[in-house]
C-alpha atoms as a PDB file:
ATOM      1  CA  MET A   1     -19.688  -5.912  10.184  1.00  0.00           C
ATOM      2  CA  ASP A   2     -17.108  -3.155  10.002  1.00  0.00           C
ATOM      3  CA  GLU A   3     -15.499  -3.282   6.283  1.00  0.00           C
ATOM      4  CA  GLN A   4     -11.775  -3.410   7.321  1.00  0.00           C
ATOM      5  CA  PRO A   5     -11.987  -6.574   9.079  1.00  0.00           C
ATOM      6  CA  GLU A   6     -14.200  -8.180   6.385  1.00  0.00           C
ATOM      7  CA  ILE A   7     -11.743  -7.708   3.651  1.00  0.00           C
ATOM      8  CA  LEU A   8      -8.996  -8.651   6.015  1.00  0.00           C
ATOM      9  CA  SER A   9     -10.706 -12.196   6.790  1.00  0.00           C
ATOM     10  CA  PHE A  10     -11.385 -12.290   2.986  1.00  0.00           C
ATOM     11  CA  VAL A  11      -7.610 -11.948   2.486  1.00  0.00           C
ATOM     12  CA  LYS A  12      -6.603 -14.483   4.977  1.00  0.00           C
ATOM     13  CA  ALA A  13      -9.236 -16.726   3.578  1.00  0.00           C
ATOM     14  CA  MET A  14      -7.349 -16.413   0.023  1.00  0.00           C
ATOM     15  CA  ALA A  15      -3.851 -16.702   1.458  1.00  0.00           C
ATOM     16  CA  SER A  16      -4.049 -20.492   1.560  1.00  0.00           C
ATOM     17  CA  ALA A  17      -3.267 -22.766  -1.187  1.00  0.00           C
ATOM     18  CA  GLU A  18      -5.667 -25.382   0.014  1.00  0.00           C
ATOM     19  CA  ARG A  19      -8.585 -22.799   0.279  1.00  0.00           C
ATOM     20  CA  LEU A  20      -7.768 -21.732  -3.129  1.00  0.00           C
ATOM     21  CA  ARG A  21      -8.052 -25.433  -4.437  1.00  0.00           C
ATOM     22  CA  ILE A  22     -11.265 -26.016  -2.410  1.00  0.00           C
ATOM     23  CA  ILE A  23     -12.484 -22.623  -4.545  1.00  0.00           C
ATOM     24  CA  GLY A  24     -11.131 -23.968  -7.791  1.00  0.00           C
ATOM     25  CA  VAL A  25     -13.290 -27.055  -7.359  1.00  0.00           C
ATOM     26  CA  LEU A  26     -16.481 -25.039  -6.581  1.00  0.00           C
ATOM     27  CA  VAL A  27     -15.704 -22.638  -9.279  1.00  0.00           C
ATOM     28  CA  ARG A  28     -16.903 -25.754 -11.373  1.00  0.00           C
ATOM     29  CA  GLY A  29     -19.825 -26.419  -9.541  1.00  0.00           C
ATOM     30  CA  LYS A  30     -21.549 -27.569  -6.254  1.00  0.00           C
ATOM     31  CA  ALA A  31     -19.549 -30.331  -4.101  1.00  0.00           C
ATOM     32  CA  THR A  32     -20.094 -32.241  -0.878  1.00  0.00           C
ATOM     33  CA  GLN A  33     -17.105 -32.337   1.507  1.00  0.00           C
ATOM     34  CA  ALA A  34     -16.219 -36.107   0.661  1.00  0.00           C
ATOM     35  CA  GLU A  35     -16.480 -34.937  -3.041  1.00  0.00           C
ATOM     36  CA  ILE A  36     -14.060 -32.116  -2.718  1.00  0.00           C
ATOM     37  CA  ALA A  37     -11.410 -34.359  -0.363  1.00  0.00           C
ATOM     38  CA  GLU A  38     -11.674 -36.869  -3.104  1.00  0.00           C
ATOM     39  CA  GLN A  39     -10.939 -34.583  -6.059  1.00  0.00           C
ATOM     40  CA  LEU A  40      -8.183 -32.804  -4.017  1.00  0.00           C
ATOM     41  CA  GLY A  41      -6.725 -35.975  -2.563  1.00  0.00           C
ATOM     42  CA  MET A  42      -6.993 -34.393   0.899  1.00  0.00           C
ATOM     43  CA  PRO A  43      -7.907 -35.597   4.332  1.00  0.00           C
ATOM     44  CA  ILE A  44     -11.631 -35.094   4.853  1.00  0.00           C
ATOM     45  CA  ARG A  45     -10.661 -33.405   8.162  1.00  0.00           C
ATOM     46  CA  ASP A  46      -8.579 -30.760   6.429  1.00  0.00           C
ATOM     47  CA  VAL A  47     -11.359 -29.995   4.007  1.00  0.00           C
ATOM     48  CA  PHE A  48     -13.859 -29.881   6.665  1.00  0.00           C
ATOM     49  CA  ASN A  49     -11.631 -27.186   8.582  1.00  0.00           C
ATOM     50  CA  HIS A  50     -10.904 -25.175   5.504  1.00  0.00           C
ATOM     51  CA  LEU A  51     -14.693 -25.036   4.145  1.00  0.00           C
ATOM     52  CA  SER A  52     -15.590 -23.952   7.825  1.00  0.00           C
ATOM     53  CA  PHE A  53     -13.302 -20.834   7.598  1.00  0.00           C
ATOM     54  CA  LEU A  54     -14.219 -20.112   4.028  1.00  0.00           C
ATOM     55  CA  ALA A  55     -18.141 -20.286   5.332  1.00  0.00           C
ATOM     56  CA  HIS A  56     -17.151 -18.041   8.605  1.00  0.00           C
ATOM     57  CA  VAL A  57     -15.855 -15.480   5.913  1.00  0.00           C
ATOM     58  CA  SER A  58     -18.774 -15.810   3.772  1.00  0.00           C
ATOM     59  CA  VAL A  59     -16.842 -16.870   0.808  1.00  0.00           C
ATOM     60  CA  ILE A  60     -18.939 -19.979   0.455  1.00  0.00           C
ATOM     61  CA  HIS A  61     -22.096 -21.317   1.800  1.00  0.00           C
ATOM     62  CA  GLU A  62     -23.584 -24.624   2.645  1.00  0.00           C
ATOM     63  CA  THR A  63     -26.836 -26.162   2.357  1.00  0.00           C
ATOM     64  CA  ASP A  64     -27.793 -29.646   3.113  1.00  0.00           C
ATOM     65  CA  GLY A  65     -24.185 -30.777   3.027  1.00  0.00           C
ATOM     66  CA  VAL A  66     -23.443 -29.374  -0.191  1.00  0.00           C
ATOM     67  CA  TYR A  67     -21.073 -26.377  -0.531  1.00  0.00           C
ATOM     68  CA  ASP A  68     -21.276 -23.640  -3.006  1.00  0.00           C
ATOM     69  CA  LEU A  69     -19.368 -20.330  -3.952  1.00  0.00           C
ATOM     70  CA  ASN A  70     -21.043 -16.973  -2.420  1.00  0.00           C
ATOM     71  CA  GLU A  71     -20.566 -15.408  -5.435  1.00  0.00           C
ATOM     72  CA  LYS A  72     -22.562 -12.366  -4.531  1.00  0.00           C
ATOM     73  CA  ALA A  73     -20.368 -11.731  -1.331  1.00  0.00           C
ATOM     74  CA  ILE A  74     -17.115 -11.840  -3.277  1.00  0.00           C
ATOM     75  CA  GLU A  75     -18.349  -9.651  -5.798  1.00  0.00           C
ATOM     76  CA  SER A  76     -19.344  -7.181  -3.209  1.00  0.00           C
ATOM     77  CA  LEU A  77     -16.126  -7.297  -1.160  1.00  0.00           C
ATOM     78  CA  ALA A  78     -14.282  -6.753  -4.863  1.00  0.00           C
ATOM     79  CA  ARG A  79     -16.833  -3.893  -5.723  1.00  0.00           C
ATOM     80  CA  ALA A  80     -16.373  -2.132  -2.099  1.00  0.00           C
ATOM     81  CA  GLN A  81     -12.459  -2.248  -2.606  1.00  0.00           C
ATOM     82  CA  PHE A  82     -12.261  -1.017  -6.134  1.00  0.00           C
ATOM     83  CA  GLU A  83     -15.174   1.459  -6.784  1.00  0.00           C
ATOM     84  CA  GLY A  84     -15.625   4.982  -5.649  1.00  0.00           C
ATOM     85  CA  LYS A  85     -13.271   7.958  -5.653  1.00  0.00           C
ATOM     86  CA  ARG A  86      -9.561   7.190  -4.849  1.00  0.00           C
ATOM     87  CA  GLU A  87      -7.919   8.992  -2.231  1.00  0.00           C
ATOM     88  CA  SER A  88      -5.419  11.806  -3.061  1.00  0.00           C
ATOM     89  CA  PHE A  89      -2.883  13.756  -1.101  1.00  0.00           C
ATOM     90  CA  VAL A  90      -4.705  16.741   0.738  1.00  0.00           C
ATOM     91  CA  PRO A  91      -1.858  19.620   1.184  1.00  0.00           C
ATOM     92  CA  ALA A  92      -2.047  21.890   4.016  1.00  0.00           C
ATOM     93  CA  GLU A  93      -4.703  24.823   3.845  1.00  0.00           C
ATOM     94  CA  ASP A  94      -2.072  27.564   4.003  1.00  0.00           C
ATOM     95  CA  GLU A  95      -0.121  26.489   1.077  1.00  0.00           C
ATOM     96  CA  GLU A  96       0.038  28.460  -2.146  1.00  0.00           C
ATOM     97  CA  GLU A  97      -2.420  27.229  -4.801  1.00  0.00           C
ATOM     98  CA  ASP A  98       0.312  26.406  -7.136  1.00  0.00           C
ATOM     99  CA  VAL A  99       2.154  24.431  -4.670  1.00  0.00           C
ATOM    100  CA  ARG A 100      -1.116  22.549  -3.371  1.00  0.00           C
ATOM    101  CA  LYS A 101      -1.679  21.556  -6.949  1.00  0.00           C
ATOM    102  CA  VAL A 102       1.847  20.158  -7.600  1.00  0.00           C
ATOM    103  CA  LEU A 103       1.977  18.333  -4.260  1.00  0.00           C
ATOM    104  CA  LYS A 104      -1.543  16.687  -4.965  1.00  0.00           C
ATOM    105  CA  THR A 105      -0.319  15.583  -8.405  1.00  0.00           C
ATOM    106  CA  PHE A 106       2.911  14.074  -7.361  1.00  0.00           C
ATOM    107  CA  LEU A 107       2.201  12.635  -4.161  1.00  0.00           C
ATOM    108  CA  ASN A 108       0.252   9.488  -2.922  1.00  0.00           C
ATOM    109  CA  PRO A 109      -2.441   9.746  -0.353  1.00  0.00           C
ATOM    110  CA  ASP A 110       0.101   8.667   2.268  1.00  0.00           C
ATOM    111  CA  GLY A 111       2.682  11.113   1.307  1.00  0.00           C
ATOM    112  CA  THR A 112       5.062   9.210  -0.496  1.00  0.00           C
ATOM    113  CA  LEU A 113       6.194  10.208  -4.226  1.00  0.00           C
ATOM    114  CA  LYS A 114       4.287   8.697  -7.266  1.00  0.00           C
ATOM    115  CA  GLN A 115       7.112   9.789  -9.398  1.00  0.00           C
ATOM    116  CA  ILE A 116      10.230  12.422  -8.997  1.00  0.00           C
ATOM    117  CA  PRO A 117       9.030  15.372 -11.067  1.00  0.00           C
ATOM    118  CA  PRO A 118      11.432  16.607 -13.824  1.00  0.00           C
ATOM    119  CA  GLN A 119      13.747  19.556 -13.087  1.00  0.00           C
ATOM    120  CA  GLY A 120      12.229  22.849 -12.636  1.00  0.00           C
ATOM    121  CA  SER A 121       9.754  24.366 -10.335  1.00  0.00           C
ATOM    122  CA  LYS A 122       7.847  21.311  -9.754  1.00  0.00           C
ATOM    123  CA  LEU A 123      10.896  19.382  -8.428  1.00  0.00           C
ATOM    124  CA  LEU A 124      11.726  22.179  -6.137  1.00  0.00           C
ATOM    125  CA  ILE A 125       8.233  22.034  -4.736  1.00  0.00           C
ATOM    126  CA  VAL A 126       8.148  18.405  -3.952  1.00  0.00           C
ATOM    127  CA  LEU A 127      11.898  18.921  -2.409  1.00  0.00           C
ATOM    128  CA  SER A 128      10.771  21.543  -0.212  1.00  0.00           C
ATOM    129  CA  PHE A 129       7.978  19.290   1.122  1.00  0.00           C
ATOM    130  CA  ILE A 130      10.455  16.636   1.564  1.00  0.00           C
ATOM    131  CA  VAL A 131      13.260  18.346   3.197  1.00  0.00           C
ATOM    132  CA  ASP A 132      10.721  19.229   6.241  1.00  0.00           C
ATOM    133  CA  ALA A 133      11.276  15.757   7.246  1.00  0.00           C
ATOM    134  CA  PHE A 134      14.797  16.929   8.664  1.00  0.00           C
ATOM    135  CA  ALA A 135      15.621  18.889  11.277  1.00  0.00           C
ATOM    136  CA  TYR A 136      17.510  22.121  11.387  1.00  0.00           C
ATOM    137  CA  ASP A 137      20.621  21.922  13.491  1.00  0.00           C
ATOM    138  CA  THR A 138      21.243  18.151  13.233  1.00  0.00           C
ATOM    139  CA  ASN A 139      23.755  16.168  11.231  1.00  0.00           C
ATOM    140  CA  TYR A 140      22.830  13.154   9.442  1.00  0.00           C
ATOM    141  CA  THR A 141      24.811  10.044   8.131  1.00  0.00           C
ATOM    142  CA  GLU A 142      24.345   9.171   4.642  1.00  0.00           C
ATOM    143  CA  LYS A 143      22.365   6.088   6.051  1.00  0.00           C
ATOM    144  CA  GLU A 144      20.068   8.028   7.971  1.00  0.00           C
ATOM    145  CA  VAL A 145      19.338  10.459   5.038  1.00  0.00           C
ATOM    146  CA  ASN A 146      18.598   7.541   3.013  1.00  0.00           C
ATOM    147  CA  THR A 147      16.284   6.267   5.701  1.00  0.00           C
ATOM    148  CA  ILE A 148      14.330   9.121   5.932  1.00  0.00           C
ATOM    149  CA  LEU A 149      14.128   9.462   2.057  1.00  0.00           C
ATOM    150  CA  ARG A 150      13.030   6.047   1.747  1.00  0.00           C
ATOM    151  CA  ARG A 151       9.667   6.957   3.075  1.00  0.00           C
ATOM    152  CA  PHE A 152       9.017   9.091  -0.048  1.00  0.00           C
ATOM    153  CA  HIS A 153      10.740   7.180  -2.832  1.00  0.00           C
ATOM    154  CA  ALA A 154      12.938   4.130  -3.358  1.00  0.00           C
ATOM    155  CA  ASP A 155      15.395   6.351  -5.343  1.00  0.00           C
ATOM    156  CA  THR A 156      17.106   7.891  -2.520  1.00  0.00           C
ATOM    157  CA  ALA A 157      20.362   8.699  -4.224  1.00  0.00           C
ATOM    158  CA  ALA A 158      18.560  10.800  -6.643  1.00  0.00           C
ATOM    159  CA  LEU A 159      16.605  12.525  -3.836  1.00  0.00           C
ATOM    160  CA  ARG A 160      19.832  13.010  -1.848  1.00  0.00           C
ATOM    161  CA  ARG A 161      21.260  14.887  -5.078  1.00  0.00           C
ATOM    162  CA  TYR A 162      18.458  17.074  -5.908  1.00  0.00           C
ATOM    163  CA  LEU A 163      18.361  18.074  -2.129  1.00  0.00           C
ATOM    164  CA  VAL A 164      21.999  19.040  -2.160  1.00  0.00           C
ATOM    165  CA  ASP A 165      21.968  20.535  -6.013  1.00  0.00           C
ATOM    166  CA  SER A 166      18.918  22.493  -4.989  1.00  0.00           C
ATOM    167  CA  GLY A 167      20.575  24.014  -1.831  1.00  0.00           C
ATOM    168  CA  LEU A 168      18.005  22.641   0.761  1.00  0.00           C
ATOM    169  CA  MET A 169      20.600  20.415   2.284  1.00  0.00           C
ATOM    170  CA  ALA A 170      24.414  20.715   2.441  1.00  0.00           C
ATOM    171  CA  ARG A 171      26.954  17.697   2.806  1.00  0.00           C
ATOM    172  CA  GLU A 172      30.588  17.051   3.483  1.00  0.00           C
ATOM    173  CA  SER A 173      32.423  16.385   0.153  1.00  0.00           C
ATOM    174  CA  ASP A 174      33.128  12.888   1.454  1.00  0.00           C
ATOM    175  CA  GLY A 175      29.255  12.210   1.896  1.00  0.00           C
ATOM    176  CA  THR A 176      29.844  11.428   5.543  1.00  0.00           C
ATOM    177  CA  ARG A 177      27.457  14.178   7.039  1.00  0.00           C
ATOM    178  CA  TYR A 178      24.211  15.909   5.870  1.00  0.00           C
ATOM    179  CA  TRP A 179      22.293  18.750   7.083  1.00  0.00           C
ATOM    180  CA  ARG A 180      19.233  20.962   6.584  1.00  0.00           C
ATOM    181  CA  VAL A 181      20.236  24.421   5.047  1.00  0.00           C
ATOM    182  CA  LYS A 182      18.482  27.455   6.920  1.00  0.00           C
ATOM    183  CA  LYS A 183      16.805  29.527   4.307  1.00  0.00           C
ATOM    184  CA  GLU A 184      18.441  32.992   4.104  1.00  0.00           C
ATOM    185  CA  ALA A 185      15.776  35.931   5.286  1.00  0.00           C
ATOM    186  CA  PRO A 186      15.095  38.234   2.108  1.00  0.00           C
END
């Protein structure tokens, strides 16, 4: 079975309060459908439906009408999700090594910011990465700027201010219009 659908089914199974209550009963030991229904005060038909789903996603298994947790399957799913190397952001190959290192340090695998770097060269490198989301010769409202910046970090006000202060973007004094500033050729 493909790993992604397997984990999605597992999460779906755990998203039901009734199924979690059933698992709670089975954590204490094996039980029949009738015993689970009695302990939880649930209709036997509902218990049957939940048990069927839990068995389908391999959270439990049934032998001769007695249900038990499939601890190995649960452990295997958890281990598959949390072991191994974590992904990291991979900057473009044509970037300079110091730029690649800063971007890899401050960006998540999806390109969002782990944190805004402190003032200085690292902040400027990250801001140069972010400003590429804005087109030249386009005017943006503050709301549009915030929408774009939110893809990178929740603190859109700080990012807006840093982009303007660093000269990568400009704005009207009343904040009604923002635009990307073209770099001057050296």
